[in-house]
Amino acid sequence: MKARVFVSLKPSVLDPQGDAIAKALHSLGHGEVESVRVGKYFDVEFAPGMSREDLEAKLQGISQDVLSNPVIEDFQVDICAES
């Protein structure tokens, strides 16, 4: 099974990298852009044989403990396809 975990800053956390990108876009003539928030994603592949429920639980734990900082980041798990 394959999954993608999206990690982004919580809305209350300042995003200076996103602000810099928004300013660059404005300077390139894209004034219609109001704001940019930067995030990251992880593609994770598991060995066959796990149930979807077990996979979801495992990904929640991995995302909370390793892939994100729960103090300042949110995450979303998207199970993509079966291997």
PDB file of N, CA and C in Angstrom:
ATOM      1  N   MET A   1       0.845  -1.191   0.000  1.00  0.00           N
ATOM      2  CA  MET A   1       0.000   0.000   0.000  1.00  0.00           C
ATOM      3  C   MET A   1       0.880   1.240   0.000  1.00  0.00           C
ATOM      4  N   LYS A   2       0.401   2.253  -0.673  1.00  0.00           N
ATOM      5  CA  LYS A   2       1.110   3.523  -0.740  1.00  0.00           C
ATOM      6  C   LYS A   2       0.246   4.611  -0.104  1.00  0.00           C
ATOM      7  N   ALA A   3       0.928   5.561   0.500  1.00  0.00           N
ATOM      8  CA  ALA A   3       0.222   6.680   1.123  1.00  0.00           C
ATOM      9  C   ALA A   3       1.069   7.935   0.995  1.00  0.00           C
ATOM     10  N   ARG A   4       0.409   9.052   1.106  1.00  0.00           N
ATOM     11  CA  ARG A   4       1.089  10.344   1.120  1.00  0.00           C
ATOM     12  C   ARG A   4       0.646  11.069   2.376  1.00  0.00           C
ATOM     13  N   VAL A   5       1.624  11.611   3.097  1.00  0.00           N
ATOM     14  CA  VAL A   5       1.353  12.378   4.307  1.00  0.00           C
ATOM     15  C   VAL A   5       1.718  13.835   4.018  1.00  0.00           C
ATOM     16  N   PHE A   6       0.737  14.711   4.128  1.00  0.00           N
ATOM     17  CA  PHE A   6       0.945  16.144   3.932  1.00  0.00           C
ATOM     18  C   PHE A   6       1.148  16.790   5.298  1.00  0.00           C
ATOM     19  N   VAL A   7       2.191  17.600   5.419  1.00  0.00           N
ATOM     20  CA  VAL A   7       2.486  18.296   6.674  1.00  0.00           C
ATOM     21  C   VAL A   7       2.539  19.791   6.381  1.00  0.00           C
ATOM     22  N   SER A   8       1.835  20.570   7.171  1.00  0.00           N
ATOM     23  CA  SER A   8       1.835  22.020   6.993  1.00  0.00           C
ATOM     24  C   SER A   8       1.821  22.711   8.342  1.00  0.00           C
ATOM     25  N   LEU A   9       2.275  23.949   8.339  1.00  0.00           N
ATOM     26  CA  LEU A   9       2.245  24.735   9.569  1.00  0.00           C
ATOM     27  C   LEU A   9       0.811  25.013   9.977  1.00  0.00           C
ATOM     28  N   LYS A  10       0.567  25.034  11.272  1.00  0.00           N
ATOM     29  CA  LYS A  10      -0.752  25.405  11.759  1.00  0.00           C
ATOM     30  C   LYS A  10      -1.037  26.847  11.353  1.00  0.00           C
ATOM     31  N   PRO A  11      -2.299  27.179  11.131  1.00  0.00           N
ATOM     32  CA  PRO A  11      -2.638  28.537  10.691  1.00  0.00           C
ATOM     33  C   PRO A  11      -2.128  29.644  11.607  1.00  0.00           C
ATOM     34  N   SER A  12      -1.982  29.360  12.896  1.00  0.00           N
ATOM     35  CA  SER A  12      -1.540  30.384  13.842  1.00  0.00           C
ATOM     36  C   SER A  12      -0.026  30.591  13.851  1.00  0.00           C
ATOM     37  N   VAL A  13       0.717  29.750  13.123  1.00  0.00           N
ATOM     38  CA  VAL A  13       2.183  29.835  13.093  1.00  0.00           C
ATOM     39  C   VAL A  13       2.615  30.681  11.900  1.00  0.00           C
ATOM     40  N   LEU A  14       3.498  31.650  12.146  1.00  0.00           N
ATOM     41  CA  LEU A  14       4.014  32.483  11.066  1.00  0.00           C
ATOM     42  C   LEU A  14       4.800  31.634  10.071  1.00  0.00           C
ATOM     43  N   ASP A  15       4.735  32.012   8.781  1.00  0.00           N
ATOM     44  CA  ASP A  15       5.409  31.270   7.726  1.00  0.00           C
ATOM     45  C   ASP A  15       6.287  32.234   6.916  1.00  0.00           C
ATOM     46  N   PRO A  16       7.507  32.538   7.402  1.00  0.00           N
ATOM     47  CA  PRO A  16       8.355  33.492   6.690  1.00  0.00           C
ATOM     48  C   PRO A  16       8.754  33.007   5.296  1.00  0.00           C
ATOM     49  N   GLN A  17       8.896  31.698   5.108  1.00  0.00           N
ATOM     50  CA  GLN A  17       9.232  31.186   3.777  1.00  0.00           C
ATOM     51  C   GLN A  17       8.061  31.431   2.812  1.00  0.00           C
ATOM     52  N   GLY A  18       6.849  31.193   3.271  1.00  0.00           N
ATOM     53  CA  GLY A  18       5.678  31.470   2.446  1.00  0.00           C
ATOM     54  C   GLY A  18       5.557  32.947   2.119  1.00  0.00           C
ATOM     55  N   ASP A  19       5.858  33.805   3.103  1.00  0.00           N
ATOM     56  CA  ASP A  19       5.819  35.258   2.864  1.00  0.00           C
ATOM     57  C   ASP A  19       6.840  35.662   1.803  1.00  0.00           C
ATOM     58  N   ALA A  20       8.042  35.090   1.862  1.00  0.00           N
ATOM     59  CA  ALA A  20       9.081  35.402   0.879  1.00  0.00           C
ATOM     60  C   ALA A  20       8.659  34.961  -0.521  1.00  0.00           C
ATOM     61  N   ILE A  21       8.014  33.813  -0.620  1.00  0.00           N
ATOM     62  CA  ILE A  21       7.541  33.338  -1.920  1.00  0.00           C
ATOM     63  C   ILE A  21       6.444  34.251  -2.453  1.00  0.00           C
ATOM     64  N   ALA A  22       5.536  34.675  -1.582  1.00  0.00           N
ATOM     65  CA  ALA A  22       4.471  35.583  -2.009  1.00  0.00           C
ATOM     66  C   ALA A  22       5.051  36.899  -2.522  1.00  0.00           C
ATOM     67  N   LYS A  23       6.062  37.437  -1.834  1.00  0.00           N
ATOM     68  CA  LYS A  23       6.705  38.667  -2.291  1.00  0.00           C
ATOM     69  C   LYS A  23       7.385  38.468  -3.631  1.00  0.00           C
ATOM     70  N   ALA A  24       8.035  37.323  -3.809  1.00  0.00           N
ATOM     71  CA  ALA A  24       8.690  37.035  -5.098  1.00  0.00           C
ATOM     72  C   ALA A  24       7.655  36.939  -6.213  1.00  0.00           C
ATOM     73  N   LEU A  25       6.539  36.301  -5.931  1.00  0.00           N
ATOM     74  CA  LEU A  25       5.480  36.209  -6.941  1.00  0.00           C
ATOM     75  C   LEU A  25       4.952  37.593  -7.311  1.00  0.00           C
ATOM     76  N   HIS A  26       4.781  38.448  -6.307  1.00  0.00           N
ATOM     77  CA  HIS A  26       4.323  39.813  -6.586  1.00  0.00           C
ATOM     78  C   HIS A  26       5.321  40.546  -7.478  1.00  0.00           C
ATOM     79  N   SER A  27       6.615  40.383  -7.170  1.00  0.00           N
ATOM     80  CA  SER A  27       7.633  41.080  -7.969  1.00  0.00           C
ATOM     81  C   SER A  27       7.707  40.535  -9.394  1.00  0.00           C
ATOM     82  N   LEU A  28       7.219  39.338  -9.615  1.00  0.00           N
ATOM     83  CA  LEU A  28       7.192  38.740 -10.957  1.00  0.00           C
ATOM     84  C   LEU A  28       5.878  39.017 -11.685  1.00  0.00           C
ATOM     85  N   GLY A  29       5.051  39.877 -11.097  1.00  0.00           N
ATOM     86  CA  GLY A  29       3.825  40.290 -11.757  1.00  0.00           C
ATOM     87  C   GLY A  29       2.590  39.496 -11.383  1.00  0.00           C
ATOM     88  N   HIS A  30       2.655  38.724 -10.332  1.00  0.00           N
ATOM     89  CA  HIS A  30       1.509  37.930  -9.903  1.00  0.00           C
ATOM     90  C   HIS A  30       0.871  38.561  -8.662  1.00  0.00           C
ATOM     91  N   GLY A  31       0.412  39.788  -8.823  1.00  0.00           N
ATOM     92  CA  GLY A  31      -0.157  40.547  -7.717  1.00  0.00           C
ATOM     93  C   GLY A  31      -1.456  39.989  -7.172  1.00  0.00           C
ATOM     94  N   GLU A  32      -2.094  39.107  -7.944  1.00  0.00           N
ATOM     95  CA  GLU A  32      -3.358  38.521  -7.491  1.00  0.00           C
ATOM     96  C   GLU A  32      -3.165  37.494  -6.373  1.00  0.00           C
ATOM     97  N   VAL A  33      -1.919  37.073  -6.135  1.00  0.00           N
ATOM     98  CA  VAL A  33      -1.641  36.112  -5.059  1.00  0.00           C
ATOM     99  C   VAL A  33      -1.708  36.843  -3.725  1.00  0.00           C
ATOM    100  N   GLU A  34      -2.591  36.397  -2.852  1.00  0.00           N
ATOM    101  CA  GLU A  34      -2.737  37.039  -1.546  1.00  0.00           C
ATOM    102  C   GLU A  34      -1.729  36.518  -0.536  1.00  0.00           C
ATOM    103  N   SER A  35      -1.539  35.210  -0.490  1.00  0.00           N
ATOM    104  CA  SER A  35      -0.609  34.645   0.475  1.00  0.00           C
ATOM    105  C   SER A  35      -0.181  33.263   0.014  1.00  0.00           C
ATOM    106  N   VAL A  36       0.922  32.792   0.599  1.00  0.00           N
ATOM    107  CA  VAL A  36       1.443  31.454   0.321  1.00  0.00           C
ATOM    108  C   VAL A  36       1.805  30.817   1.654  1.00  0.00           C
ATOM    109  N   ARG A  37       1.453  29.556   1.811  1.00  0.00           N
ATOM    110  CA  ARG A  37       1.844  28.757   2.970  1.00  0.00           C
ATOM    111  C   ARG A  37       2.657  27.581   2.442  1.00  0.00           C
ATOM    112  N   VAL A  38       3.787  27.324   3.046  1.00  0.00           N
ATOM    113  CA  VAL A  38       4.682  26.261   2.605  1.00  0.00           C
ATOM    114  C   VAL A  38       4.436  25.015   3.440  1.00  0.00           C
ATOM    115  N   GLY A  39       4.500  23.865   2.792  1.00  0.00           N
ATOM    116  CA  GLY A  39       4.348  22.594   3.473  1.00  0.00           C
ATOM    117  C   GLY A  39       5.271  21.567   2.840  1.00  0.00           C
ATOM    118  N   LYS A  40       5.082  20.336   3.211  1.00  0.00           N
ATOM    119  CA  LYS A  40       5.890  19.255   2.652  1.00  0.00           C
ATOM    120  C   LYS A  40       5.032  18.000   2.622  1.00  0.00           C
ATOM    121  N   TYR A  41       5.476  17.025   1.841  1.00  0.00           N
ATOM    122  CA  TYR A  41       4.772  15.755   1.849  1.00  0.00           C
ATOM    123  C   TYR A  41       5.765  14.612   1.830  1.00  0.00           C
ATOM    124  N   PHE A  42       5.302  13.460   2.301  1.00  0.00           N
ATOM    125  CA  PHE A  42       6.100  12.249   2.359  1.00  0.00           C
ATOM    126  C   PHE A  42       5.329  11.145   1.649  1.00  0.00           C
ATOM    127  N   ASP A  43       5.969  10.467   0.707  1.00  0.00           N
ATOM    128  CA  ASP A  43       5.395   9.271   0.104  1.00  0.00           C
ATOM    129  C   ASP A  43       5.910   8.081   0.891  1.00  0.00           C
ATOM    130  N   VAL A  44       4.988   7.272   1.397  1.00  0.00           N
ATOM    131  CA  VAL A  44       5.338   6.134   2.241  1.00  0.00           C
ATOM    132  C   VAL A  44       4.731   4.885   1.605  1.00  0.00           C
ATOM    133  N   GLU A  45       5.551   3.845   1.470  1.00  0.00           N
ATOM    134  CA  GLU A  45       5.064   2.589   0.913  1.00  0.00           C
ATOM    135  C   GLU A  45       5.261   1.483   1.943  1.00  0.00           C
ATOM    136  N   PHE A  46       4.225   0.695   2.123  1.00  0.00           N
ATOM    137  CA  PHE A  46       4.252  -0.400   3.092  1.00  0.00           C
ATOM    138  C   PHE A  46       4.263  -1.738   2.369  1.00  0.00           C
ATOM    139  N   ALA A  47       4.822  -2.732   3.016  1.00  0.00           N
ATOM    140  CA  ALA A  47       4.801  -4.089   2.476  1.00  0.00           C
ATOM    141  C   ALA A  47       3.352  -4.555   2.364  1.00  0.00           C
ATOM    142  N   PRO A  48       3.067  -5.405   1.391  1.00  0.00           N
ATOM    143  CA  PRO A  48       1.693  -5.906   1.239  1.00  0.00           C
ATOM    144  C   PRO A  48       1.246  -6.705   2.465  1.00  0.00           C
ATOM    145  N   GLY A  49      -0.051  -6.781   2.634  1.00  0.00           N
ATOM    146  CA  GLY A  49      -0.602  -7.613   3.693  1.00  0.00           C
ATOM    147  C   GLY A  49      -1.240  -6.864   4.834  1.00  0.00           C
ATOM    148  N   MET A  50      -1.009  -5.549   4.947  1.00  0.00           N
ATOM    149  CA  MET A  50      -1.641  -4.783   6.024  1.00  0.00           C
ATOM    150  C   MET A  50      -3.064  -4.417   5.625  1.00  0.00           C
ATOM    151  N   SER A  51      -3.960  -4.483   6.586  1.00  0.00           N
ATOM    152  CA  SER A  51      -5.322  -4.023   6.308  1.00  0.00           C
ATOM    153  C   SER A  51      -5.311  -2.495   6.222  1.00  0.00           C
ATOM    154  N   ARG A  52      -6.314  -1.958   5.582  1.00  0.00           N
ATOM    155  CA  ARG A  52      -6.420  -0.498   5.451  1.00  0.00           C
ATOM    156  C   ARG A  52      -6.517   0.165   6.836  1.00  0.00           C
ATOM    157  N   GLU A  53      -7.225  -0.460   7.747  1.00  0.00           N
ATOM    158  CA  GLU A  53      -7.392   0.090   9.095  1.00  0.00           C
ATOM    159  C   GLU A  53      -6.054   0.106   9.841  1.00  0.00           C
ATOM    160  N   ASP A  54      -5.288  -0.993   9.734  1.00  0.00           N
ATOM    161  CA  ASP A  54      -3.970  -1.040  10.375  1.00  0.00           C
ATOM    162  C   ASP A  54      -3.030  -0.010   9.764  1.00  0.00           C
ATOM    163  N   LEU A  55      -3.099   0.126   8.443  1.00  0.00           N
ATOM    164  CA  LEU A  55      -2.267   1.102   7.755  1.00  0.00           C
ATOM    165  C   LEU A  55      -2.590   2.516   8.217  1.00  0.00           C
ATOM    166  N   GLU A  56      -3.870   2.817   8.306  1.00  0.00           N
ATOM    167  CA  GLU A  56      -4.294   4.158   8.759  1.00  0.00           C
ATOM    168  C   GLU A  56      -3.776   4.442  10.173  1.00  0.00           C
ATOM    169  N   ALA A  57      -3.920   3.470  11.064  1.00  0.00           N
ATOM    170  CA  ALA A  57      -3.459   3.643  12.444  1.00  0.00           C
ATOM    171  C   ALA A  57      -1.943   3.816  12.493  1.00  0.00           C
ATOM    172  N   LYS A  58      -1.211   3.018  11.725  1.00  0.00           N
ATOM    173  CA  LYS A  58       0.247   3.103  11.690  1.00  0.00           C
ATOM    174  C   LYS A  58       0.684   4.465  11.159  1.00  0.00           C
ATOM    175  N   LEU A  59       0.044   4.934  10.097  1.00  0.00           N
ATOM    176  CA  LEU A  59       0.399   6.236   9.519  1.00  0.00           C
ATOM    177  C   LEU A  59       0.096   7.385  10.473  1.00  0.00           C
ATOM    178  N   GLN A  60      -1.000   7.290  11.197  1.00  0.00           N
ATOM    179  CA  GLN A  60      -1.322   8.338  12.179  1.00  0.00           C
ATOM    180  C   GLN A  60      -0.203   8.435  13.215  1.00  0.00           C
ATOM    181  N   GLY A  61       0.248   7.280  13.719  1.00  0.00           N
ATOM    182  CA  GLY A  61       1.313   7.267  14.717  1.00  0.00           C
ATOM    183  C   GLY A  61       2.628   7.781  14.170  1.00  0.00           C
ATOM    184  N   ILE A  62       3.004   7.317  12.971  1.00  0.00           N
ATOM    185  CA  ILE A  62       4.257   7.765  12.340  1.00  0.00           C
ATOM    186  C   ILE A  62       4.210   9.271  12.088  1.00  0.00           C
ATOM    187  N   SER A  63       3.080   9.741  11.601  1.00  0.00           N
ATOM    188  CA  SER A  63       2.950  11.169  11.284  1.00  0.00           C
ATOM    189  C   SER A  63       3.054  12.024  12.532  1.00  0.00           C
ATOM    190  N   GLN A  64       2.403  11.583  13.588  1.00  0.00           N
ATOM    191  CA  GLN A  64       2.422  12.337  14.852  1.00  0.00           C
ATOM    192  C   GLN A  64       3.798  12.310  15.510  1.00  0.00           C
ATOM    193  N   ASP A  65       4.449  11.141  15.495  1.00  0.00           N
ATOM    194  CA  ASP A  65       5.692  10.963  16.250  1.00  0.00           C
ATOM    195  C   ASP A  65       6.948  11.347  15.488  1.00  0.00           C
ATOM    196  N   VAL A  66       6.936  11.215  14.160  1.00  0.00           N
ATOM    197  CA  VAL A  66       8.175  11.362  13.396  1.00  0.00           C
ATOM    198  C   VAL A  66       8.094  12.427  12.302  1.00  0.00           C
ATOM    199  N   LEU A  67       7.035  12.414  11.509  1.00  0.00           N
ATOM    200  CA  LEU A  67       6.994  13.255  10.318  1.00  0.00           C
ATOM    201  C   LEU A  67       6.569  14.698  10.586  1.00  0.00           C
ATOM    202  N   SER A  68       5.934  14.943  11.714  1.00  0.00           N
ATOM    203  CA  SER A  68       5.489  16.307  12.001  1.00  0.00           C
ATOM    204  C   SER A  68       5.854  16.696  13.424  1.00  0.00           C
ATOM    205  N   ASN A  69       5.834  17.995  13.663  1.00  0.00           N
ATOM    206  CA  ASN A  69       5.982  18.537  15.007  1.00  0.00           C
ATOM    207  C   ASN A  69       4.583  18.991  15.428  1.00  0.00           C
ATOM    208  N   PRO A  70       3.881  18.211  16.254  1.00  0.00           N
ATOM    209  CA  PRO A  70       2.489  18.526  16.559  1.00  0.00           C
ATOM    210  C   PRO A  70       2.263  19.858  17.267  1.00  0.00           C
ATOM    211  N   VAL A  71       3.314  20.465  17.765  1.00  0.00           N
ATOM    212  CA  VAL A  71       3.165  21.771  18.412  1.00  0.00           C
ATOM    213  C   VAL A  71       2.884  22.846  17.371  1.00  0.00           C
ATOM    214  N   ILE A  72       3.539  22.755  16.206  1.00  0.00           N
ATOM    215  CA  ILE A  72       3.403  23.818  15.205  1.00  0.00           C
ATOM    216  C   ILE A  72       2.877  23.339  13.855  1.00  0.00           C
ATOM    217  N   GLU A  73       2.705  22.021  13.681  1.00  0.00           N
ATOM    218  CA  GLU A  73       2.300  21.501  12.380  1.00  0.00           C
ATOM    219  C   GLU A  73       1.065  20.608  12.479  1.00  0.00           C
ATOM    220  N   ASP A  74       0.290  20.625  11.399  1.00  0.00           N
ATOM    221  CA  ASP A  74      -0.823  19.699  11.208  1.00  0.00           C
ATOM    222  C   ASP A  74      -0.408  18.704  10.132  1.00  0.00           C
ATOM    223  N   PHE A  75      -1.084  17.573  10.078  1.00  0.00           N
ATOM    224  CA  PHE A  75      -0.814  16.621   9.005  1.00  0.00           C
ATOM    225  C   PHE A  75      -2.114  15.999   8.536  1.00  0.00           C
ATOM    226  N   GLN A  76      -2.056  15.496   7.302  1.00  0.00           N
ATOM    227  CA  GLN A  76      -3.190  14.809   6.702  1.00  0.00           C
ATOM    228  C   GLN A  76      -2.659  13.582   5.985  1.00  0.00           C
ATOM    229  N   VAL A  77      -3.302  12.447   6.180  1.00  0.00           N
ATOM    230  CA  VAL A  77      -2.890  11.189   5.563  1.00  0.00           C
ATOM    231  C   VAL A  77      -3.824  10.886   4.392  1.00  0.00           C
ATOM    232  N   ASP A  78      -3.236  10.526   3.246  1.00  0.00           N
ATOM    233  CA  ASP A  78      -4.003  10.147   2.063  1.00  0.00           C
ATOM    234  C   ASP A  78      -3.495   8.795   1.583  1.00  0.00           C
ATOM    235  N   ILE A  79      -4.290   7.763   1.755  1.00  0.00           N
ATOM    236  CA  ILE A  79      -3.907   6.440   1.266  1.00  0.00           C
ATOM    237  C   ILE A  79      -4.189   6.411  -0.231  1.00  0.00           C
ATOM    238  N   CYS A  80      -3.128   6.221  -1.017  1.00  0.00           N
ATOM    239  CA  CYS A  80      -3.213   6.415  -2.471  1.00  0.00           C
ATOM    240  C   CYS A  80      -3.683   5.172  -3.213  1.00  0.00           C
ATOM    241  N   ALA A  81      -2.995   4.065  -3.041  1.00  0.00           N
ATOM    242  CA  ALA A  81      -3.285   2.907  -3.868  1.00  0.00           C
ATOM    243  C   ALA A  81      -2.725   1.658  -3.220  1.00  0.00           C
ATOM    244  N   GLU A  82      -3.234   0.559  -3.675  1.00  0.00           N
ATOM    245  CA  GLU A  82      -2.679  -0.714  -3.244  1.00  0.00           C
ATOM    246  C   GLU A  82      -1.479  -1.036  -4.106  1.00  0.00           C
ATOM    247  N   SER A  83      -0.483  -1.682  -3.493  1.00  0.00           N
ATOM    248  CA  SER A  83       0.729  -2.051  -4.226  1.00  0.00           C
ATOM    249  C   SER A  83       0.440  -3.207  -5.150  1.00  0.00           C
TER     250      SER A  83
END
